[in-house]
Amino acid sequence: MQTSATARYVRMSPQRGRTIARELAGLEIDQAMATLAFMPNRAAAEIAKVVKSAAANAEHNYALDRDALRIQSVVVDDGPTLRRFRAKSRGRVGMYQKRSGHITVTVDDGMP
């Protein structure tokens, strides 16, 4: 049975999250948490929270065994972008963007 968890509006560039998400598909929950714990990126900590939540959802809502759970997919989608401005030379303005993302983790126990 598939169970998922979502974190929305995470202040992290989706591109940074996707590099970490590629590493996790197919791993067991404990392996994924160990992998994320030793990644130096801030995005790894945010994804770890969602993986933990998806495992807890599976345990609590469907009484699934945590040891049997595997990560089926980790999707990092674009969220809204905050556009900010900063003064540049010669009286001009320069725009920079603060991106955000939505992280969705789906876990599966392998049973039909």
Protein backbone atom coordinates (compact mmCIF):
# COMPACT_ATOMS: atom_id res chain seq x y z
CA MET A 1 0.00 0.00 0.00
CA GLN A 2 1.29 3.42 -0.91
CA THR A 3 1.42 6.24 1.59
CA SER A 4 2.73 9.73 1.04
CA ALA A 5 3.69 12.90 2.88
CA THR A 6 4.08 16.40 1.49
CA ALA A 7 5.90 19.50 2.66
CA ARG A 8 4.76 22.58 0.81
CA TYR A 9 6.37 25.99 0.39
CA VAL A 10 9.80 24.85 1.57
CA ARG A 11 12.28 27.70 1.07
CA MET A 12 14.67 25.69 -1.04
CA SER A 13 15.38 25.69 -4.73
CA PRO A 14 13.75 22.65 -6.38
CA GLN A 15 16.92 22.07 -8.38
CA ARG A 16 18.86 21.53 -5.15
CA GLY A 17 16.23 19.16 -3.85
CA ARG A 18 16.09 17.08 -7.00
CA THR A 19 19.79 16.22 -6.85
CA ILE A 20 19.18 14.57 -3.49
CA ALA A 21 15.84 13.04 -4.46
CA ARG A 22 17.48 11.04 -7.27
CA GLU A 23 19.59 9.16 -4.74
CA LEU A 24 16.69 7.87 -2.64
CA ALA A 25 14.32 5.96 -4.93
CA GLY A 26 14.13 2.28 -4.00
CA LEU A 27 15.92 2.54 -0.66
CA GLU A 28 14.51 1.24 2.60
CA ILE A 29 13.51 3.88 5.14
CA ASP A 30 16.46 3.25 7.48
CA GLN A 31 18.96 3.29 4.61
CA ALA A 32 17.48 6.52 3.27
CA MET A 33 17.60 8.21 6.69
CA ALA A 34 21.23 7.14 7.14
CA THR A 35 22.11 8.46 3.68
CA LEU A 36 20.37 11.78 4.32
CA ALA A 37 22.00 12.18 7.72
CA PHE A 38 25.48 12.29 6.14
CA MET A 39 24.66 14.58 3.23
CA PRO A 40 26.00 18.09 3.85
CA ASN A 41 23.16 19.92 2.06
CA ARG A 42 20.36 21.79 3.80
CA ALA A 43 17.96 20.20 1.32
CA ALA A 44 18.82 16.76 2.75
CA ALA A 45 17.51 17.80 6.16
CA GLU A 46 14.23 19.03 4.66
CA ILE A 47 13.75 15.83 2.65
CA ALA A 48 14.58 13.73 5.73
CA LYS A 49 11.70 15.36 7.60
CA VAL A 50 9.28 14.40 4.85
CA VAL A 51 10.61 10.81 4.63
CA LYS A 52 10.16 10.48 8.38
CA SER A 53 6.62 11.82 8.11
CA ALA A 54 5.69 9.44 5.28
CA ALA A 55 6.93 6.47 7.32
CA ALA A 56 4.97 7.67 10.35
CA ASN A 57 1.83 8.07 8.20
CA ALA A 58 2.18 4.49 6.97
CA GLU A 59 2.64 3.15 10.50
CA HIS A 60 -0.13 5.14 12.13
CA ASN A 61 -2.81 5.27 9.43
CA TYR A 62 -2.43 1.82 7.89
CA ALA A 63 -0.56 -0.18 10.57
CA LEU A 64 2.26 -1.05 8.16
CA ASP A 65 5.60 -2.38 9.38
CA ARG A 66 8.31 0.29 9.18
CA ASP A 67 11.00 -2.28 8.33
CA ALA A 68 9.10 -3.36 5.19
CA LEU A 69 8.72 0.15 3.79
CA ARG A 70 10.67 1.35 0.77
CA ILE A 71 10.76 4.77 -0.81
CA GLN A 72 8.91 4.59 -4.08
CA SER A 73 9.43 8.15 -5.25
CA VAL A 74 10.62 11.56 -4.09
CA VAL A 75 9.27 14.46 -6.14
CA VAL A 76 10.38 18.07 -5.72
CA ASP A 77 8.09 20.44 -7.61
CA ASP A 78 8.31 24.18 -8.10
CA GLY A 79 6.55 26.39 -5.61
CA PRO A 80 5.93 30.11 -5.80
CA THR A 81 8.91 32.39 -6.32
CA LEU A 82 9.45 35.52 -4.27
CA ARG A 83 10.85 38.28 -6.44
CA ARG A 84 13.06 40.76 -4.67
CA PHE A 85 15.03 43.77 -5.88
CA ARG A 86 18.42 45.15 -5.00
CA ALA A 87 20.13 48.37 -6.01
CA LYS A 88 22.69 48.04 -8.79
CA SER A 89 25.13 50.46 -10.33
CA ARG A 90 24.12 53.62 -12.17
CA GLY A 91 20.78 53.86 -10.36
CA ARG A 92 19.38 50.69 -11.81
CA VAL A 93 17.65 47.84 -10.10
CA GLY A 94 18.53 44.16 -10.19
CA MET A 95 16.02 41.42 -9.53
CA TYR A 96 16.83 38.22 -7.71
CA GLN A 97 14.51 35.34 -6.96
CA LYS A 98 13.92 33.37 -3.79
CA ARG A 99 12.59 30.04 -4.94
CA SER A 100 10.48 27.58 -2.99
CA GLY A 101 9.43 24.00 -3.59
CA HIS A 102 6.94 21.30 -2.68
CA ILE A 103 8.44 17.96 -1.56
CA THR A 104 6.35 14.78 -1.89
CA VAL A 105 7.62 11.42 -0.67
CA THR A 106 5.74 8.19 -1.45
CA VAL A 107 6.54 4.99 0.44
CA ASP A 108 5.32 1.49 -0.38
CA ASP A 109 5.38 -1.79 1.52
CA GLY A 110 5.46 -3.92 -1.63
CA MET A 111 2.14 -5.66 -0.96
CA PRO A 112 -0.64 -5.43 -3.58
